[in-house]
Amino acid sequence: MVSVNEQPTVNPAPEPHGHGLRLRRWDAESDADVAAWLRGLEDPEFRRWNTPLKPVTDLGSARDSLRAQAVRVASGDRVSFRVTDADTGTTLGQISLNTIERVMRVARVGYWVLPEARGQGVAVRALALVTRWAFTEFGLHRLELGHAVGHEASCRVAERCGYAYEGTLRGAMFEAGRLDAFRDVHLHARIATDPEPAVK
């Protein structure tokens, strides 16, 4: 447990696990990790709701993207996990704490699930797991979750994990596939003192 006066630790161990999942560190030198990262960012459903600043279109750019993420993790700006099945180790998706603000102990949650793992509650279970870890082990006070207006699946994930809807942010996210147009975002959030919902 991190006290109020302590700062969140960069890349702490052990890796979170529970709800049938284990959250593992991404490894930019692992061919399997790079391939999974590429499949996640190339997925049409991911691209429908997210617009990477730098396109990831092949294994080379995927490895570069993972290496760039590792730099952000090392700097303390982000904590990122590969969501895996606890028993088989199969990669199911990704979840991260982004834009970590250490003074106010706030971060923004982001996640995606690979196509073959959808419909199994992976996003809900991963979000519940990383939320508990962020509050009890990493010392954060507030977690925010933003999704494009219309992304009903992400809205349901947030609500099932106790992230209350706090309002609509106008023009706060790029339109799909564009860096010159914007769309509105629903903002959800949880704070450490909120009750923890039951997640199966």
N, C-alpha and C. Protein backbone atom coordinates (compact mmCIF):
# COMPACT_ATOMS: atom_id res chain seq x y z
N MET A 1 0.84 -1.19 0.00
CA MET A 1 0.00 0.00 0.00
C MET A 1 0.88 1.24 0.00
N VAL A 2 0.59 2.19 -0.89
CA VAL A 2 1.37 3.42 -0.98
C VAL A 2 0.70 4.48 -0.13
N SER A 3 1.45 5.16 0.72
CA SER A 3 0.87 6.20 1.57
C SER A 3 0.58 7.45 0.76
N VAL A 4 -0.19 8.36 1.35
CA VAL A 4 -0.61 9.57 0.66
C VAL A 4 0.58 10.39 0.21
N ASN A 5 1.64 10.40 0.98
CA ASN A 5 2.79 11.26 0.69
C ASN A 5 3.80 10.63 -0.25
N GLU A 6 3.62 9.37 -0.60
CA GLU A 6 4.56 8.72 -1.49
C GLU A 6 4.14 8.88 -2.94
N GLN A 7 5.12 8.87 -3.84
CA GLN A 7 4.84 8.94 -5.26
C GLN A 7 4.67 7.54 -5.83
N PRO A 8 3.81 7.37 -6.86
CA PRO A 8 3.71 6.06 -7.51
C PRO A 8 5.06 5.59 -8.02
N THR A 9 5.33 4.32 -7.90
CA THR A 9 6.58 3.74 -8.33
C THR A 9 6.53 3.40 -9.81
N VAL A 10 7.62 3.63 -10.54
CA VAL A 10 7.67 3.28 -11.94
C VAL A 10 7.87 1.77 -12.09
N ASN A 11 6.99 1.15 -12.87
CA ASN A 11 7.13 -0.26 -13.24
C ASN A 11 7.30 -1.19 -12.03
N PRO A 12 6.42 -1.08 -11.02
CA PRO A 12 6.58 -1.92 -9.84
C PRO A 12 6.20 -3.36 -10.10
N ALA A 13 6.70 -4.26 -9.27
CA ALA A 13 6.36 -5.68 -9.33
C ALA A 13 5.58 -6.02 -8.06
N PRO A 14 4.84 -7.08 -8.01
CA PRO A 14 4.67 -8.08 -9.07
C PRO A 14 3.61 -7.66 -10.08
N GLU A 15 3.50 -8.46 -11.14
CA GLU A 15 2.50 -8.18 -12.15
C GLU A 15 1.11 -8.52 -11.60
N PRO A 16 0.12 -7.64 -11.82
CA PRO A 16 -1.22 -7.90 -11.29
C PRO A 16 -1.84 -9.16 -11.90
N HIS A 17 -2.62 -9.88 -11.09
CA HIS A 17 -3.32 -11.05 -11.60
C HIS A 17 -4.60 -11.26 -10.82
N GLY A 18 -5.56 -11.88 -11.47
CA GLY A 18 -6.87 -12.14 -10.88
C GLY A 18 -7.92 -12.16 -11.97
N HIS A 19 -9.13 -12.59 -11.62
CA HIS A 19 -10.24 -12.67 -12.59
C HIS A 19 -9.86 -13.51 -13.81
N GLY A 20 -8.97 -14.50 -13.61
CA GLY A 20 -8.56 -15.35 -14.72
C GLY A 20 -7.55 -14.72 -15.65
N LEU A 21 -6.99 -13.58 -15.26
CA LEU A 21 -6.04 -12.85 -16.11
C LEU A 21 -4.72 -12.63 -15.37
N ARG A 22 -3.69 -12.41 -16.14
CA ARG A 22 -2.42 -11.92 -15.61
C ARG A 22 -1.97 -10.78 -16.51
N LEU A 23 -1.62 -9.66 -15.90
CA LEU A 23 -1.15 -8.49 -16.64
C LEU A 23 0.37 -8.51 -16.66
N ARG A 24 0.93 -8.64 -17.85
CA ARG A 24 2.38 -8.79 -18.01
C ARG A 24 2.96 -7.58 -18.73
N ARG A 25 4.25 -7.37 -18.56
CA ARG A 25 4.92 -6.26 -19.26
C ARG A 25 5.09 -6.62 -20.73
N TRP A 26 4.91 -5.64 -21.59
CA TRP A 26 5.23 -5.81 -23.01
C TRP A 26 6.74 -5.83 -23.18
N ASP A 27 7.21 -6.63 -24.13
CA ASP A 27 8.64 -6.74 -24.42
C ASP A 27 8.86 -6.45 -25.90
N ALA A 28 9.44 -5.29 -26.20
CA ALA A 28 9.64 -4.89 -27.59
C ALA A 28 10.61 -5.79 -28.33
N GLU A 29 11.39 -6.60 -27.62
CA GLU A 29 12.32 -7.52 -28.28
C GLU A 29 11.71 -8.90 -28.49
N SER A 30 10.49 -9.11 -28.05
CA SER A 30 9.80 -10.39 -28.25
C SER A 30 9.01 -10.34 -29.55
N ASP A 31 9.30 -11.25 -30.46
CA ASP A 31 8.57 -11.29 -31.73
C ASP A 31 7.08 -11.54 -31.51
N ALA A 32 6.74 -12.37 -30.53
CA ALA A 32 5.34 -12.66 -30.25
C ALA A 32 4.62 -11.41 -29.74
N ASP A 33 5.27 -10.66 -28.85
CA ASP A 33 4.67 -9.43 -28.34
C ASP A 33 4.48 -8.41 -29.46
N VAL A 34 5.47 -8.29 -30.31
CA VAL A 34 5.38 -7.32 -31.42
C VAL A 34 4.24 -7.70 -32.36
N ALA A 35 4.11 -8.99 -32.66
CA ALA A 35 3.04 -9.44 -33.55
C ALA A 35 1.67 -9.18 -32.94
N ALA A 36 1.53 -9.41 -31.63
CA ALA A 36 0.25 -9.15 -30.97
C ALA A 36 -0.07 -7.66 -30.95
N TRP A 37 0.94 -6.85 -30.71
CA TRP A 37 0.78 -5.39 -30.71
C TRP A 37 0.31 -4.91 -32.09
N LEU A 38 0.93 -5.44 -33.13
CA LEU A 38 0.55 -5.07 -34.49
C LEU A 38 -0.89 -5.47 -34.78
N ARG A 39 -1.27 -6.69 -34.39
CA ARG A 39 -2.65 -7.13 -34.66
C ARG A 39 -3.66 -6.25 -33.93
N GLY A 40 -3.32 -5.85 -32.71
CA GLY A 40 -4.23 -4.99 -31.96
C GLY A 40 -4.42 -3.64 -32.60
N LEU A 41 -3.33 -3.02 -33.06
CA LEU A 41 -3.41 -1.67 -33.62
C LEU A 41 -3.89 -1.67 -35.06
N GLU A 42 -3.82 -2.81 -35.75
CA GLU A 42 -4.34 -2.90 -37.12
C GLU A 42 -5.81 -3.29 -37.16
N ASP A 43 -6.34 -3.73 -36.05
CA ASP A 43 -7.72 -4.22 -36.00
C ASP A 43 -8.69 -3.10 -36.41
N PRO A 44 -9.59 -3.35 -37.36
CA PRO A 44 -10.53 -2.32 -37.81
C PRO A 44 -11.38 -1.73 -36.68
N GLU A 45 -11.75 -2.55 -35.70
CA GLU A 45 -12.55 -2.02 -34.59
C GLU A 45 -11.73 -1.07 -33.73
N PHE A 46 -10.45 -1.38 -33.54
CA PHE A 46 -9.57 -0.44 -32.83
C PHE A 46 -9.48 0.87 -33.60
N ARG A 47 -9.26 0.77 -34.90
CA ARG A 47 -9.09 1.98 -35.72
C ARG A 47 -10.37 2.79 -35.85
N ARG A 48 -11.49 2.14 -35.65
CA ARG A 48 -12.77 2.86 -35.69
C ARG A 48 -12.85 3.89 -34.56
N TRP A 49 -12.24 3.56 -33.44
CA TRP A 49 -12.39 4.41 -32.25
C TRP A 49 -11.10 5.09 -31.81
N ASN A 50 -9.98 4.77 -32.45
CA ASN A 50 -8.69 5.33 -32.03
C ASN A 50 -7.88 5.74 -33.25
N THR A 51 -7.09 6.79 -33.10
CA THR A 51 -6.25 7.27 -34.19
C THR A 51 -4.83 7.46 -33.67
N PRO A 52 -3.96 6.47 -33.87
CA PRO A 52 -2.57 6.63 -33.42
C PRO A 52 -1.89 7.81 -34.10
N LEU A 53 -1.04 8.50 -33.36
CA LEU A 53 -0.31 9.63 -33.94
C LEU A 53 0.66 9.16 -35.01
N LYS A 54 1.24 7.98 -34.79
CA LYS A 54 2.14 7.40 -35.79
C LYS A 54 1.56 6.08 -36.25
N PRO A 55 1.30 5.92 -37.54
CA PRO A 55 0.70 4.67 -38.02
C PRO A 55 1.58 3.46 -37.71
N VAL A 56 0.93 2.37 -37.33
CA VAL A 56 1.60 1.10 -37.12
C VAL A 56 1.03 0.14 -38.15
N THR A 57 1.85 -0.21 -39.15
CA THR A 57 1.34 -0.96 -40.30
C THR A 57 2.10 -2.25 -40.59
N ASP A 58 3.23 -2.46 -39.92
CA ASP A 58 4.02 -3.67 -40.15
C ASP A 58 4.81 -3.98 -38.89
N LEU A 59 5.54 -5.10 -38.93
CA LEU A 59 6.27 -5.52 -37.73
C LEU A 59 7.33 -4.51 -37.31
N GLY A 60 7.96 -3.87 -38.29
CA GLY A 60 8.99 -2.88 -37.95
C GLY A 60 8.42 -1.69 -37.21
N SER A 61 7.32 -1.15 -37.71
CA SER A 61 6.72 0.01 -37.04
C SER A 61 6.08 -0.40 -35.71
N ALA A 62 5.62 -1.65 -35.62
CA ALA A 62 5.07 -2.14 -34.35
C ALA A 62 6.16 -2.22 -33.30
N ARG A 63 7.34 -2.72 -33.69
CA ARG A 63 8.45 -2.80 -32.73
C ARG A 63 8.89 -1.40 -32.30
N ASP A 64 8.95 -0.49 -33.26
CA ASP A 64 9.30 0.90 -32.92
C ASP A 64 8.29 1.50 -31.95
N SER A 65 7.00 1.19 -32.17
CA SER A 65 5.95 1.70 -31.29
C SER A 65 6.09 1.15 -29.88
N LEU A 66 6.38 -0.14 -29.77
CA LEU A 66 6.57 -0.73 -28.44
C LEU A 66 7.81 -0.18 -27.75
N ARG A 67 8.86 0.06 -28.52
CA ARG A 67 10.07 0.64 -27.93
C ARG A 67 9.80 2.07 -27.43
N ALA A 68 9.03 2.83 -28.21
CA ALA A 68 8.68 4.19 -27.79
C ALA A 68 7.83 4.15 -26.51
N GLN A 69 6.95 3.15 -26.45
CA GLN A 69 6.15 3.01 -25.23
C GLN A 69 7.03 2.69 -24.05
N ALA A 70 8.04 1.84 -24.24
CA ALA A 70 8.95 1.49 -23.15
C ALA A 70 9.66 2.71 -22.59
N VAL A 71 9.97 3.67 -23.47
CA VAL A 71 10.60 4.91 -23.02
C VAL A 71 9.65 5.68 -22.11
N ARG A 72 8.38 5.72 -22.49
CA ARG A 72 7.39 6.42 -21.66
C ARG A 72 7.20 5.71 -20.33
N VAL A 73 7.21 4.39 -20.34
CA VAL A 73 7.10 3.64 -19.09
C VAL A 73 8.29 3.96 -18.19
N ALA A 74 9.48 3.96 -18.77
CA ALA A 74 10.69 4.24 -17.98
C ALA A 74 10.68 5.66 -17.41
N SER A 75 10.05 6.59 -18.13
CA SER A 75 10.00 7.98 -17.67
C SER A 75 8.97 8.20 -16.58
N GLY A 76 8.09 7.22 -16.37
CA GLY A 76 7.04 7.35 -15.37
C GLY A 76 5.75 7.93 -15.91
N ASP A 77 5.68 8.18 -17.22
CA ASP A 77 4.49 8.76 -17.82
C ASP A 77 3.39 7.74 -18.06
N ARG A 78 3.76 6.45 -18.10
CA ARG A 78 2.80 5.40 -18.45
C ARG A 78 3.19 4.09 -17.77
N VAL A 79 2.18 3.27 -17.48
CA VAL A 79 2.37 1.87 -17.12
C VAL A 79 1.52 1.07 -18.08
N SER A 80 2.10 0.10 -18.76
CA SER A 80 1.39 -0.62 -19.80
C SER A 80 1.51 -2.13 -19.58
N PHE A 81 0.40 -2.83 -19.80
CA PHE A 81 0.36 -4.26 -19.58
C PHE A 81 -0.19 -4.99 -20.80
N ARG A 82 0.37 -6.16 -21.06
CA ARG A 82 -0.19 -7.12 -22.00
C ARG A 82 -1.17 -7.99 -21.19
N VAL A 83 -2.44 -7.97 -21.57
CA VAL A 83 -3.45 -8.76 -20.88
C VAL A 83 -3.37 -10.19 -21.38
N THR A 84 -3.16 -11.13 -20.47
CA THR A 84 -3.01 -12.53 -20.87
C THR A 84 -3.94 -13.42 -20.07
N ASP A 85 -4.26 -14.58 -20.65
CA ASP A 85 -4.97 -15.61 -19.93
C ASP A 85 -4.06 -16.15 -18.84
N ALA A 86 -4.56 -16.22 -17.62
CA ALA A 86 -3.71 -16.62 -16.49
C ALA A 86 -3.19 -18.04 -16.62
N ASP A 87 -3.94 -18.90 -17.27
CA ASP A 87 -3.54 -20.30 -17.37
C ASP A 87 -2.63 -20.57 -18.57
N THR A 88 -2.98 -20.02 -19.72
CA THR A 88 -2.26 -20.35 -20.96
C THR A 88 -1.19 -19.32 -21.34
N GLY A 89 -1.30 -18.11 -20.81
CA GLY A 89 -0.37 -17.05 -21.20
C GLY A 89 -0.71 -16.41 -22.53
N THR A 90 -1.82 -16.81 -23.15
CA THR A 90 -2.23 -16.25 -24.44
C THR A 90 -2.53 -14.77 -24.31
N THR A 91 -2.02 -13.98 -25.24
CA THR A 91 -2.28 -12.55 -25.23
C THR A 91 -3.72 -12.29 -25.66
N LEU A 92 -4.44 -11.50 -24.85
CA LEU A 92 -5.84 -11.19 -25.11
C LEU A 92 -6.05 -9.72 -25.47
N GLY A 93 -5.14 -8.87 -25.04
CA GLY A 93 -5.31 -7.44 -25.30
C GLY A 93 -4.26 -6.62 -24.58
N GLN A 94 -4.59 -5.37 -24.35
CA GLN A 94 -3.66 -4.42 -23.73
C GLN A 94 -4.43 -3.49 -22.81
N ILE A 95 -3.83 -3.08 -21.70
CA ILE A 95 -4.41 -2.07 -20.83
C ILE A 95 -3.28 -1.24 -20.26
N SER A 96 -3.52 0.06 -20.12
CA SER A 96 -2.44 0.94 -19.67
C SER A 96 -2.99 2.09 -18.84
N LEU A 97 -2.11 2.63 -18.01
CA LEU A 97 -2.35 3.88 -17.31
C LEU A 97 -1.51 4.92 -18.02
N ASN A 98 -2.15 5.93 -18.58
CA ASN A 98 -1.48 6.92 -19.43
C ASN A 98 -1.50 8.29 -18.78
N THR A 99 -0.57 9.12 -19.21
CA THR A 99 -0.50 10.52 -18.76
C THR A 99 -0.59 10.56 -17.23
N ILE A 100 0.27 9.81 -16.58
CA ILE A 100 0.26 9.75 -15.13
C ILE A 100 0.70 11.09 -14.55
N GLU A 101 -0.15 11.67 -13.72
CA GLU A 101 0.14 12.97 -13.08
C GLU A 101 0.43 12.68 -11.61
N ARG A 102 1.70 12.80 -11.24
CA ARG A 102 2.13 12.29 -9.94
C ARG A 102 1.68 13.16 -8.77
N VAL A 103 1.60 14.46 -8.96
CA VAL A 103 1.23 15.32 -7.84
C VAL A 103 -0.21 15.08 -7.43
N MET A 104 -1.13 15.08 -8.40
CA MET A 104 -2.54 14.85 -8.12
C MET A 104 -2.90 13.36 -8.10
N ARG A 105 -1.94 12.50 -8.48
CA ARG A 105 -2.13 11.05 -8.46
C ARG A 105 -3.31 10.63 -9.34
N VAL A 106 -3.26 11.13 -10.58
CA VAL A 106 -4.30 10.89 -11.57
C VAL A 106 -3.68 10.23 -12.79
N ALA A 107 -4.44 9.35 -13.46
CA ALA A 107 -4.01 8.76 -14.73
C ALA A 107 -5.23 8.52 -15.59
N ARG A 108 -4.99 8.32 -16.89
CA ARG A 108 -6.05 8.01 -17.85
C ARG A 108 -5.89 6.56 -18.29
N VAL A 109 -6.96 5.79 -18.20
CA VAL A 109 -6.93 4.38 -18.57
C VAL A 109 -7.22 4.21 -20.06
N GLY A 110 -6.47 3.33 -20.71
CA GLY A 110 -6.75 2.96 -22.08
C GLY A 110 -6.63 1.45 -22.24
N TYR A 111 -7.42 0.87 -23.14
CA TYR A 111 -7.37 -0.58 -23.32
C TYR A 111 -7.90 -0.96 -24.69
N TRP A 112 -7.52 -2.15 -25.14
CA TRP A 112 -8.13 -2.78 -26.30
C TRP A 112 -8.05 -4.29 -26.13
N VAL A 113 -8.93 -4.99 -26.85
CA VAL A 113 -9.00 -6.45 -26.78
C VAL A 113 -8.90 -6.99 -28.20
N LEU A 114 -8.10 -8.04 -28.38
CA LEU A 114 -7.97 -8.66 -29.69
C LEU A 114 -9.29 -9.27 -30.14
N PRO A 115 -9.55 -9.31 -31.44
CA PRO A 115 -10.86 -9.77 -31.94
C PRO A 115 -11.29 -11.13 -31.41
N GLU A 116 -10.35 -12.08 -31.35
CA GLU A 116 -10.73 -13.44 -30.94
C GLU A 116 -11.05 -13.55 -29.45
N ALA A 117 -10.71 -12.51 -28.68
CA ALA A 117 -10.95 -12.54 -27.23
C ALA A 117 -12.18 -11.73 -26.83
N ARG A 118 -12.85 -11.12 -27.79
CA ARG A 118 -14.03 -10.31 -27.46
C ARG A 118 -15.21 -11.20 -27.07
N GLY A 119 -16.13 -10.61 -26.31
CA GLY A 119 -17.31 -11.34 -25.88
C GLY A 119 -17.08 -12.25 -24.69
N GLN A 120 -15.92 -12.13 -24.05
CA GLN A 120 -15.58 -12.99 -22.91
C GLN A 120 -15.38 -12.19 -21.62
N GLY A 121 -15.73 -10.90 -21.67
CA GLY A 121 -15.56 -10.06 -20.49
C GLY A 121 -14.13 -9.68 -20.19
N VAL A 122 -13.25 -9.77 -21.18
CA VAL A 122 -11.83 -9.49 -20.95
C VAL A 122 -11.62 -8.04 -20.55
N ALA A 123 -12.25 -7.11 -21.26
CA ALA A 123 -12.04 -5.70 -20.95
C ALA A 123 -12.52 -5.36 -19.55
N VAL A 124 -13.67 -5.88 -19.17
CA VAL A 124 -14.20 -5.62 -17.83
C VAL A 124 -13.27 -6.18 -16.76
N ARG A 125 -12.84 -7.43 -16.96
CA ARG A 125 -11.97 -8.06 -15.95
C ARG A 125 -10.62 -7.37 -15.86
N ALA A 126 -10.06 -6.98 -17.02
CA ALA A 126 -8.76 -6.29 -17.02
C ALA A 126 -8.87 -4.92 -16.38
N LEU A 127 -9.96 -4.20 -16.68
CA LEU A 127 -10.13 -2.87 -16.08
C LEU A 127 -10.32 -2.98 -14.57
N ALA A 128 -11.11 -3.95 -14.13
CA ALA A 128 -11.29 -4.14 -12.68
C ALA A 128 -9.96 -4.45 -12.01
N LEU A 129 -9.15 -5.28 -12.65
CA LEU A 129 -7.86 -5.69 -12.08
C LEU A 129 -6.89 -4.52 -12.01
N VAL A 130 -6.77 -3.77 -13.10
CA VAL A 130 -5.80 -2.67 -13.11
C VAL A 130 -6.27 -1.52 -12.22
N THR A 131 -7.58 -1.36 -12.08
CA THR A 131 -8.10 -0.30 -11.21
C THR A 131 -7.74 -0.58 -9.76
N ARG A 132 -8.01 -1.80 -9.31
CA ARG A 132 -7.66 -2.16 -7.93
C ARG A 132 -6.16 -2.00 -7.69
N TRP A 133 -5.36 -2.47 -8.64
CA TRP A 133 -3.91 -2.36 -8.52
C TRP A 133 -3.46 -0.91 -8.46
N ALA A 134 -4.04 -0.07 -9.32
CA ALA A 134 -3.64 1.34 -9.37
C ALA A 134 -3.93 2.05 -8.05
N PHE A 135 -5.04 1.71 -7.42
CA PHE A 135 -5.40 2.36 -6.16
C PHE A 135 -4.66 1.77 -4.97
N THR A 136 -4.52 0.46 -4.91
CA THR A 136 -3.98 -0.17 -3.70
C THR A 136 -2.47 -0.38 -3.74
N GLU A 137 -1.89 -0.54 -4.92
CA GLU A 137 -0.46 -0.82 -5.03
C GLU A 137 0.33 0.32 -5.65
N PHE A 138 -0.27 1.04 -6.57
CA PHE A 138 0.45 2.07 -7.32
C PHE A 138 0.23 3.46 -6.74
N GLY A 139 -0.72 3.60 -5.84
CA GLY A 139 -0.88 4.85 -5.09
C GLY A 139 -1.62 5.95 -5.80
N LEU A 140 -2.41 5.64 -6.82
CA LEU A 140 -3.18 6.69 -7.49
C LEU A 140 -4.48 6.96 -6.73
N HIS A 141 -5.02 8.15 -6.97
CA HIS A 141 -6.27 8.56 -6.32
C HIS A 141 -7.44 8.61 -7.29
N ARG A 142 -7.17 8.97 -8.54
CA ARG A 142 -8.26 9.13 -9.52
C ARG A 142 -7.84 8.51 -10.85
N LEU A 143 -8.75 7.76 -11.45
CA LEU A 143 -8.54 7.19 -12.77
C LEU A 143 -9.64 7.70 -13.69
N GLU A 144 -9.25 8.20 -14.86
CA GLU A 144 -10.20 8.69 -15.85
C GLU A 144 -10.22 7.75 -17.04
N LEU A 145 -11.38 7.64 -17.66
CA LEU A 145 -11.56 6.79 -18.83
C LEU A 145 -12.40 7.57 -19.83
N GLY A 146 -11.81 7.86 -20.99
CA GLY A 146 -12.53 8.60 -22.02
C GLY A 146 -12.73 7.73 -23.25
N HIS A 147 -13.90 7.81 -23.85
CA HIS A 147 -14.14 7.08 -25.10
C HIS A 147 -14.97 7.96 -26.04
N ALA A 148 -14.82 7.74 -27.31
CA ALA A 148 -15.58 8.50 -28.29
C ALA A 148 -17.07 8.32 -28.07
N VAL A 149 -17.82 9.41 -28.21
CA VAL A 149 -19.27 9.32 -28.11
C VAL A 149 -19.76 8.34 -29.18
N GLY A 150 -20.61 7.42 -28.78
CA GLY A 150 -21.09 6.38 -29.68
C GLY A 150 -20.45 5.03 -29.46
N HIS A 151 -19.36 5.01 -28.72
CA HIS A 151 -18.69 3.74 -28.44
C HIS A 151 -19.37 3.07 -27.25
N GLU A 152 -20.51 2.45 -27.51
CA GLU A 152 -21.35 1.93 -26.44
C GLU A 152 -20.70 0.78 -25.69
N ALA A 153 -19.91 -0.04 -26.38
CA ALA A 153 -19.25 -1.16 -25.70
C ALA A 153 -18.29 -0.65 -24.63
N SER A 154 -17.52 0.39 -24.95
CA SER A 154 -16.59 0.94 -23.98
C SER A 154 -17.34 1.60 -22.83
N CYS A 155 -18.47 2.21 -23.15
CA CYS A 155 -19.30 2.84 -22.12
C CYS A 155 -19.78 1.78 -21.12
N ARG A 156 -20.20 0.63 -21.62
CA ARG A 156 -20.68 -0.44 -20.73
C ARG A 156 -19.55 -0.99 -19.87
N VAL A 157 -18.36 -1.11 -20.44
CA VAL A 157 -17.20 -1.58 -19.66
C VAL A 157 -16.94 -0.62 -18.49
N ALA A 158 -16.94 0.67 -18.79
CA ALA A 158 -16.70 1.68 -17.75
C ALA A 158 -17.74 1.58 -16.64
N GLU A 159 -18.99 1.49 -17.02
CA GLU A 159 -20.07 1.45 -16.03
C GLU A 159 -20.00 0.19 -15.18
N ARG A 160 -19.70 -0.96 -15.79
CA ARG A 160 -19.63 -2.21 -15.03
C ARG A 160 -18.50 -2.18 -14.02
N CYS A 161 -17.47 -1.38 -14.28
CA CYS A 161 -16.32 -1.29 -13.37
C CYS A 161 -16.42 -0.10 -12.43
N GLY A 162 -17.60 0.52 -12.36
CA GLY A 162 -17.82 1.59 -11.39
C GLY A 162 -17.28 2.94 -11.79
N TYR A 163 -16.99 3.14 -13.08
CA TYR A 163 -16.51 4.44 -13.56
C TYR A 163 -17.73 5.30 -13.90
N ALA A 164 -18.01 6.26 -13.06
CA ALA A 164 -19.20 7.10 -13.25
C ALA A 164 -19.03 8.03 -14.44
N TYR A 165 -20.11 8.24 -15.17
CA TYR A 165 -20.11 9.21 -16.26
C TYR A 165 -20.08 10.60 -15.67
N GLU A 166 -19.12 11.43 -16.08
CA GLU A 166 -18.96 12.76 -15.52
C GLU A 166 -19.25 13.88 -16.51
N GLY A 167 -19.45 13.55 -17.78
CA GLY A 167 -19.79 14.60 -18.74
C GLY A 167 -19.21 14.32 -20.11
N THR A 168 -19.48 15.23 -21.04
CA THR A 168 -19.01 15.12 -22.41
C THR A 168 -17.96 16.20 -22.67
N LEU A 169 -16.81 15.78 -23.16
CA LEU A 169 -15.73 16.69 -23.52
C LEU A 169 -15.83 16.98 -25.01
N ARG A 170 -16.04 18.23 -25.36
CA ARG A 170 -16.24 18.58 -26.77
C ARG A 170 -14.92 18.56 -27.52
N GLY A 171 -14.92 17.90 -28.67
CA GLY A 171 -13.75 17.90 -29.54
C GLY A 171 -12.47 17.44 -28.88
N ALA A 172 -12.57 16.41 -28.05
CA ALA A 172 -11.41 16.00 -27.25
C ALA A 172 -10.68 14.79 -27.81
N MET A 173 -11.09 14.30 -28.98
CA MET A 173 -10.45 13.12 -29.56
C MET A 173 -10.47 13.26 -31.08
N PHE A 174 -9.42 12.75 -31.72
CA PHE A 174 -9.39 12.79 -33.18
C PHE A 174 -10.50 11.91 -33.76
N GLU A 175 -11.03 12.33 -34.90
CA GLU A 175 -11.92 11.48 -35.68
C GLU A 175 -11.12 10.26 -36.17
N ALA A 176 -11.81 9.17 -36.46
CA ALA A 176 -11.15 7.95 -36.92
C ALA A 176 -10.33 8.22 -38.18
N GLY A 177 -9.04 7.89 -38.10
CA GLY A 177 -8.17 7.99 -39.26
C GLY A 177 -7.77 9.41 -39.65
N ARG A 178 -8.05 10.39 -38.80
CA ARG A 178 -7.74 11.78 -39.15
C ARG A 178 -7.04 12.48 -37.99
N LEU A 179 -6.15 13.37 -38.33
CA LEU A 179 -5.48 14.21 -37.34
C LEU A 179 -5.85 15.67 -37.51
N ASP A 180 -6.88 15.93 -38.32
CA ASP A 180 -7.30 17.31 -38.60
C ASP A 180 -8.78 17.54 -38.29
N ALA A 181 -9.43 16.58 -37.63
CA ALA A 181 -10.83 16.70 -37.26
C ALA A 181 -11.04 16.02 -35.92
N PHE A 182 -12.02 16.49 -35.19
CA PHE A 182 -12.19 16.06 -33.80
C PHE A 182 -13.62 15.57 -33.53
N ARG A 183 -13.75 14.74 -32.49
CA ARG A 183 -15.06 14.28 -32.06
C ARG A 183 -15.16 14.37 -30.54
N ASP A 184 -16.39 14.30 -30.05
CA ASP A 184 -16.64 14.43 -28.62
C ASP A 184 -16.32 13.14 -27.89
N VAL A 185 -16.08 13.28 -26.60
CA VAL A 185 -15.66 12.16 -25.75
C VAL A 185 -16.52 12.13 -24.49
N HIS A 186 -16.96 10.93 -24.13
CA HIS A 186 -17.58 10.73 -22.82
C HIS A 186 -16.49 10.51 -21.79
N LEU A 187 -16.54 11.24 -20.69
CA LEU A 187 -15.58 11.09 -19.61
C LEU A 187 -16.21 10.32 -18.46
N HIS A 188 -15.57 9.22 -18.08
CA HIS A 188 -15.93 8.44 -16.90
C HIS A 188 -14.76 8.51 -15.93
N ALA A 189 -15.01 8.29 -14.65
CA ALA A 189 -13.91 8.29 -13.69
C ALA A 189 -14.28 7.53 -12.43
N ARG A 190 -13.24 7.06 -11.75
CA ARG A 190 -13.36 6.49 -10.41
C ARG A 190 -12.30 7.10 -9.53
N ILE A 191 -12.61 7.24 -8.26
CA ILE A 191 -11.61 7.65 -7.29
C ILE A 191 -11.44 6.53 -6.27
N ALA A 192 -10.35 6.59 -5.55
CA ALA A 192 -9.97 5.46 -4.70
C ALA A 192 -10.99 5.15 -3.62
N THR A 193 -11.78 6.15 -3.22
CA THR A 193 -12.76 5.92 -2.15
C THR A 193 -14.11 5.44 -2.66
N ASP A 194 -14.28 5.33 -3.98
CA ASP A 194 -15.54 4.80 -4.52
C ASP A 194 -15.68 3.32 -4.16
N PRO A 195 -16.91 2.85 -3.98
CA PRO A 195 -17.08 1.41 -3.72
C PRO A 195 -16.66 0.59 -4.93
N GLU A 196 -16.09 -0.56 -4.66
CA GLU A 196 -15.62 -1.44 -5.74
C GLU A 196 -16.74 -2.38 -6.15
N PRO A 197 -17.17 -2.32 -7.42
CA PRO A 197 -18.26 -3.20 -7.84
C PRO A 197 -17.80 -4.64 -7.94
N ALA A 198 -18.74 -5.57 -7.84
CA ALA A 198 -18.43 -6.98 -8.02
C ALA A 198 -18.29 -7.27 -9.49
N VAL A 199 -17.17 -7.83 -9.88
CA VAL A 199 -16.89 -8.16 -11.29
C VAL A 199 -16.58 -9.64 -11.37
N LYS A 200 -17.26 -10.34 -12.30
CA LYS A 200 -17.04 -11.76 -12.48
C LYS A 200 -16.25 -11.99 -13.75
